[in-house]
Amino acid sequence: MKKFRAPFIEETVIDGDAAVIGRIRVKPSSVMWKPKGRGKFYSVSLDKFTRWITDADTGAKKVMK
């Protein structure tokens, strides 16, 4: 079973002018996105997100911390 110490991690995403563009929420089971002005989150399972982000076709790059 996957779990966090807290129920989820959530952050506000801003653009270069510090304007809010949305919120991202990460849970042990899913990744969620809510654009500014929307009432509900879009959600995808963590397994599906993992397959997508590691697929070479997405163009995602490995980065060092």
N, C-alpha and C. Protein backbone atom coordinates (compact mmCIF):
# COMPACT_ATOMS: atom_id res chain seq x y z
N MET A 1 0.83 -1.18 0.00
CA MET A 1 0.00 0.00 0.00
C MET A 1 0.88 1.25 0.00
N LYS A 2 0.61 2.18 -0.89
CA LYS A 2 1.33 3.45 -0.94
C LYS A 2 0.63 4.46 -0.06
N LYS A 3 1.41 5.25 0.70
CA LYS A 3 0.78 6.29 1.50
C LYS A 3 1.78 7.39 1.83
N PHE A 4 1.27 8.57 2.14
CA PHE A 4 2.03 9.71 2.61
C PHE A 4 1.76 9.85 4.10
N ARG A 5 2.57 10.65 4.75
CA ARG A 5 2.28 10.97 6.15
C ARG A 5 1.03 11.84 6.25
N ALA A 6 0.85 12.74 5.30
CA ALA A 6 -0.36 13.56 5.21
C ALA A 6 -1.24 12.96 4.12
N PRO A 7 -2.53 13.30 4.06
CA PRO A 7 -3.41 12.71 3.05
C PRO A 7 -2.99 13.04 1.62
N PHE A 8 -2.39 14.24 1.41
CA PHE A 8 -1.94 14.64 0.09
C PHE A 8 -1.01 15.84 0.21
N ILE A 9 -0.32 16.13 -0.89
CA ILE A 9 0.52 17.32 -1.00
C ILE A 9 -0.14 18.20 -2.05
N GLU A 10 -0.31 19.48 -1.74
CA GLU A 10 -0.97 20.38 -2.68
C GLU A 10 -0.19 21.68 -2.77
N GLU A 11 -0.05 22.20 -3.98
CA GLU A 11 0.65 23.46 -4.21
C GLU A 11 -0.12 24.31 -5.22
N THR A 12 0.00 25.61 -5.06
CA THR A 12 -0.54 26.55 -6.03
C THR A 12 0.52 26.79 -7.09
N VAL A 13 0.14 26.77 -8.35
CA VAL A 13 1.06 27.00 -9.46
C VAL A 13 0.81 28.41 -9.99
N ILE A 14 1.90 29.19 -10.10
CA ILE A 14 1.79 30.56 -10.58
C ILE A 14 2.64 30.74 -11.84
N ASP A 15 2.32 31.78 -12.61
CA ASP A 15 3.11 32.07 -13.80
C ASP A 15 4.20 33.09 -13.44
N GLY A 16 4.93 33.58 -14.44
CA GLY A 16 6.03 34.51 -14.22
C GLY A 16 5.63 35.83 -13.61
N ASP A 17 4.35 36.17 -13.69
CA ASP A 17 3.84 37.40 -13.10
C ASP A 17 3.21 37.17 -11.73
N ALA A 18 3.38 35.98 -11.19
CA ALA A 18 2.82 35.57 -9.89
C ALA A 18 1.30 35.44 -9.92
N ALA A 19 0.72 35.30 -11.10
CA ALA A 19 -0.72 35.07 -11.22
C ALA A 19 -0.98 33.57 -11.09
N VAL A 20 -1.99 33.22 -10.33
CA VAL A 20 -2.34 31.81 -10.13
C VAL A 20 -2.88 31.21 -11.43
N ILE A 21 -2.33 30.04 -11.81
CA ILE A 21 -2.86 29.34 -12.98
C ILE A 21 -3.57 28.05 -12.60
N GLY A 22 -3.36 27.58 -11.37
CA GLY A 22 -4.06 26.39 -10.92
C GLY A 22 -3.45 25.81 -9.67
N ARG A 23 -3.96 24.63 -9.32
CA ARG A 23 -3.46 23.90 -8.16
C ARG A 23 -3.14 22.47 -8.58
N ILE A 24 -2.04 21.94 -8.06
CA ILE A 24 -1.69 20.55 -8.30
C ILE A 24 -1.72 19.83 -6.95
N ARG A 25 -2.30 18.65 -6.96
CA ARG A 25 -2.41 17.84 -5.74
C ARG A 25 -1.86 16.46 -6.07
N VAL A 26 -0.98 15.97 -5.22
CA VAL A 26 -0.40 14.64 -5.39
C VAL A 26 -0.82 13.78 -4.22
N LYS A 27 -1.42 12.65 -4.54
CA LYS A 27 -1.84 11.67 -3.54
C LYS A 27 -1.05 10.39 -3.80
N PRO A 28 -1.00 9.47 -2.88
CA PRO A 28 -0.32 8.21 -3.14
C PRO A 28 -0.96 7.43 -4.29
N SER A 29 -2.22 7.72 -4.59
CA SER A 29 -2.92 6.97 -5.63
C SER A 29 -3.15 7.76 -6.91
N SER A 30 -2.96 9.10 -6.88
CA SER A 30 -3.30 9.89 -8.07
C SER A 30 -2.57 11.23 -8.10
N VAL A 31 -2.58 11.83 -9.28
CA VAL A 31 -2.10 13.20 -9.49
C VAL A 31 -3.32 13.98 -9.99
N MET A 32 -3.55 15.16 -9.39
CA MET A 32 -4.75 15.92 -9.71
C MET A 32 -4.37 17.35 -10.10
N TRP A 33 -5.14 17.93 -11.02
CA TRP A 33 -4.91 19.29 -11.50
C TRP A 33 -6.23 20.04 -11.54
N LYS A 34 -6.23 21.25 -10.99
CA LYS A 34 -7.42 22.10 -11.04
C LYS A 34 -7.00 23.46 -11.60
N PRO A 35 -7.42 23.78 -12.83
CA PRO A 35 -7.12 25.10 -13.39
C PRO A 35 -7.82 26.19 -12.59
N LYS A 36 -7.24 27.39 -12.57
CA LYS A 36 -7.85 28.53 -11.88
C LYS A 36 -9.28 28.73 -12.37
N GLY A 37 -10.18 28.98 -11.43
CA GLY A 37 -11.57 29.25 -11.77
C GLY A 37 -12.44 28.02 -11.97
N ARG A 38 -11.87 26.85 -11.86
CA ARG A 38 -12.64 25.62 -12.00
C ARG A 38 -12.97 25.07 -10.62
N GLY A 39 -14.10 24.43 -10.49
CA GLY A 39 -14.53 23.93 -9.20
C GLY A 39 -14.04 22.55 -8.85
N LYS A 40 -13.62 21.80 -9.85
CA LYS A 40 -13.23 20.41 -9.60
C LYS A 40 -11.86 20.12 -10.20
N PHE A 41 -11.21 19.11 -9.64
CA PHE A 41 -9.91 18.66 -10.12
C PHE A 41 -10.07 17.67 -11.26
N TYR A 42 -9.11 17.67 -12.17
CA TYR A 42 -8.93 16.57 -13.13
C TYR A 42 -8.01 15.59 -12.42
N SER A 43 -8.22 14.30 -12.59
CA SER A 43 -7.45 13.31 -11.86
C SER A 43 -7.01 12.17 -12.77
N VAL A 44 -5.81 11.67 -12.52
CA VAL A 44 -5.30 10.50 -13.22
C VAL A 44 -4.61 9.62 -12.18
N SER A 45 -4.72 8.32 -12.33
CA SER A 45 -4.09 7.42 -11.35
C SER A 45 -2.57 7.60 -11.39
N LEU A 46 -1.93 7.35 -10.27
CA LEU A 46 -0.48 7.45 -10.20
C LEU A 46 0.18 6.45 -11.15
N ASP A 47 -0.40 5.27 -11.29
CA ASP A 47 0.14 4.27 -12.23
C ASP A 47 0.09 4.78 -13.67
N LYS A 48 -1.04 5.38 -14.06
CA LYS A 48 -1.18 5.90 -15.42
C LYS A 48 -0.23 7.09 -15.63
N PHE A 49 -0.13 7.97 -14.64
CA PHE A 49 0.80 9.09 -14.73
C PHE A 49 2.23 8.59 -14.88
N THR A 50 2.62 7.58 -14.10
CA THR A 50 3.97 7.03 -14.17
C THR A 50 4.27 6.48 -15.57
N ARG A 51 3.32 5.75 -16.14
CA ARG A 51 3.52 5.22 -17.50
C ARG A 51 3.67 6.36 -18.50
N TRP A 52 2.84 7.40 -18.36
CA TRP A 52 2.88 8.53 -19.29
C TRP A 52 4.19 9.31 -19.17
N ILE A 53 4.58 9.70 -17.97
CA ILE A 53 5.74 10.57 -17.79
C ILE A 53 7.05 9.87 -18.15
N THR A 54 7.11 8.55 -18.04
CA THR A 54 8.34 7.83 -18.37
C THR A 54 8.38 7.35 -19.82
N ASP A 55 7.31 7.56 -20.57
CA ASP A 55 7.27 7.19 -21.99
C ASP A 55 8.14 8.17 -22.79
N ALA A 56 8.99 7.67 -23.63
CA ALA A 56 9.90 8.52 -24.42
C ALA A 56 9.14 9.52 -25.29
N ASP A 57 7.92 9.20 -25.71
CA ASP A 57 7.13 10.09 -26.56
C ASP A 57 6.70 11.37 -25.87
N THR A 58 6.70 11.43 -24.55
CA THR A 58 6.27 12.65 -23.86
C THR A 58 7.33 13.75 -23.94
N GLY A 59 8.57 13.36 -24.17
CA GLY A 59 9.66 14.33 -24.19
C GLY A 59 10.13 14.72 -22.81
N ALA A 60 9.64 14.06 -21.76
CA ALA A 60 10.08 14.35 -20.39
C ALA A 60 11.54 13.96 -20.26
N LYS A 61 12.28 14.76 -19.53
CA LYS A 61 13.71 14.54 -19.32
C LYS A 61 13.99 14.17 -17.88
N LYS A 62 14.98 13.32 -17.68
CA LYS A 62 15.45 13.03 -16.33
C LYS A 62 16.23 14.23 -15.85
N VAL A 63 16.03 14.62 -14.60
CA VAL A 63 16.75 15.77 -14.04
C VAL A 63 17.40 15.40 -12.73
N MET A 64 18.44 16.10 -12.41
CA MET A 64 19.11 15.91 -11.13
C MET A 64 18.49 16.87 -10.13
N LYS A 65 18.38 16.45 -8.91
CA LYS A 65 17.80 17.29 -7.86
C LYS A 65 18.77 18.37 -7.47
